[in-house]
Amino acid sequence: MACKLDFLADVVPGRTTWRFKVRVARIWKVTGYLKPYQVVSVEMVLVDSK
């Protein structure tokens, strides 16, 4: 039995539960301005089948 997957284009505020099947097209680390050795976030570009 296949589970129902959501598409990235269908994301709306207020809903807290999602099920995605995605490919990470690009990933990079963002460093701090005053502390360039400190990673403050990891950014990603996600791609789904739609």
C-alpha atoms as a PDB file:
ATOM      1  CA  MET A   1       0.000   0.000   0.000  1.00  0.00           C
ATOM      2  CA  ALA A   2       1.466   3.332  -1.074  1.00  0.00           C
ATOM      3  CA  CYS A   3       1.358   6.219   1.356  1.00  0.00           C
ATOM      4  CA  LYS A   4       0.014   9.603   0.243  1.00  0.00           C
ATOM      5  CA  LEU A   5       2.757  12.121  -0.476  1.00  0.00           C
ATOM      6  CA  ASP A   6       2.416  15.903  -0.491  1.00  0.00           C
ATOM      7  CA  PHE A   7       3.973  18.184  -3.117  1.00  0.00           C
ATOM      8  CA  LEU A   8       6.172  21.146  -2.233  1.00  0.00           C
ATOM      9  CA  ALA A   9       3.866  23.467  -4.205  1.00  0.00           C
ATOM     10  CA  ASP A  10       1.008  22.571  -1.843  1.00  0.00           C
ATOM     11  CA  VAL A  11       2.733  23.870   1.321  1.00  0.00           C
ATOM     12  CA  VAL A  12       0.522  26.314   3.210  1.00  0.00           C
ATOM     13  CA  PRO A  13       0.894  27.997   6.619  1.00  0.00           C
ATOM     14  CA  GLY A  14      -0.945  26.436   9.527  1.00  0.00           C
ATOM     15  CA  ARG A  15      -0.477  22.800   8.615  1.00  0.00           C
ATOM     16  CA  THR A  16       2.201  21.055  10.645  1.00  0.00           C
ATOM     17  CA  THR A  17       2.304  17.516   9.261  1.00  0.00           C
ATOM     18  CA  TRP A  18       3.705  16.786   5.804  1.00  0.00           C
ATOM     19  CA  ARG A  19       5.061  13.784   3.909  1.00  0.00           C
ATOM     20  CA  PHE A  20       7.477  14.590   1.082  1.00  0.00           C
ATOM     21  CA  LYS A  21       9.653  12.592  -1.248  1.00  0.00           C
ATOM     22  CA  VAL A  22      12.261  15.040  -2.517  1.00  0.00           C
ATOM     23  CA  ARG A  23      15.692  15.266  -4.049  1.00  0.00           C
ATOM     24  CA  VAL A  24      18.226  17.715  -2.652  1.00  0.00           C
ATOM     25  CA  ALA A  25      19.304  19.680  -5.727  1.00  0.00           C
ATOM     26  CA  ARG A  26      21.700  21.978  -3.881  1.00  0.00           C
ATOM     27  CA  ILE A  27      22.962  22.348  -0.300  1.00  0.00           C
ATOM     28  CA  TRP A  28      25.235  24.929   1.335  1.00  0.00           C
ATOM     29  CA  LYS A  29      26.221  26.220   4.762  1.00  0.00           C
ATOM     30  CA  VAL A  30      25.698  29.834   5.840  1.00  0.00           C
ATOM     31  CA  THR A  31      28.313  31.204   8.215  1.00  0.00           C
ATOM     32  CA  GLY A  32      27.994  34.010  10.733  1.00  0.00           C
ATOM     33  CA  TYR A  33      28.957  37.557   9.786  1.00  0.00           C
ATOM     34  CA  LEU A  34      31.024  38.246  12.901  1.00  0.00           C
ATOM     35  CA  LYS A  35      32.159  34.632  13.325  1.00  0.00           C
ATOM     36  CA  PRO A  36      32.805  33.226   9.838  1.00  0.00           C
ATOM     37  CA  TYR A  37      33.902  29.869  11.303  1.00  0.00           C
ATOM     38  CA  GLN A  38      30.463  29.358  12.907  1.00  0.00           C
ATOM     39  CA  VAL A  39      27.736  27.751  10.774  1.00  0.00           C
ATOM     40  CA  VAL A  40      24.411  29.477  11.517  1.00  0.00           C
ATOM     41  CA  SER A  41      22.204  27.541   9.089  1.00  0.00           C
ATOM     42  CA  VAL A  42      22.167  24.959   6.341  1.00  0.00           C
ATOM     43  CA  GLU A  43      20.209  25.951   3.228  1.00  0.00           C
ATOM     44  CA  MET A  44      18.770  23.526   0.676  1.00  0.00           C
ATOM     45  CA  VAL A  45      16.977  23.611  -2.653  1.00  0.00           C
ATOM     46  CA  LEU A  46      14.480  20.745  -2.737  1.00  0.00           C
ATOM     47  CA  VAL A  47      12.880  19.259  -5.863  1.00  0.00           C
ATOM     48  CA  ASP A  48       9.881  16.934  -5.923  1.00  0.00           C
ATOM     49  CA  SER A  49       8.363  15.001  -8.826  1.00  0.00           C
ATOM     50  CA  LYS A  50       5.928  17.777  -9.703  1.00  0.00           C
END
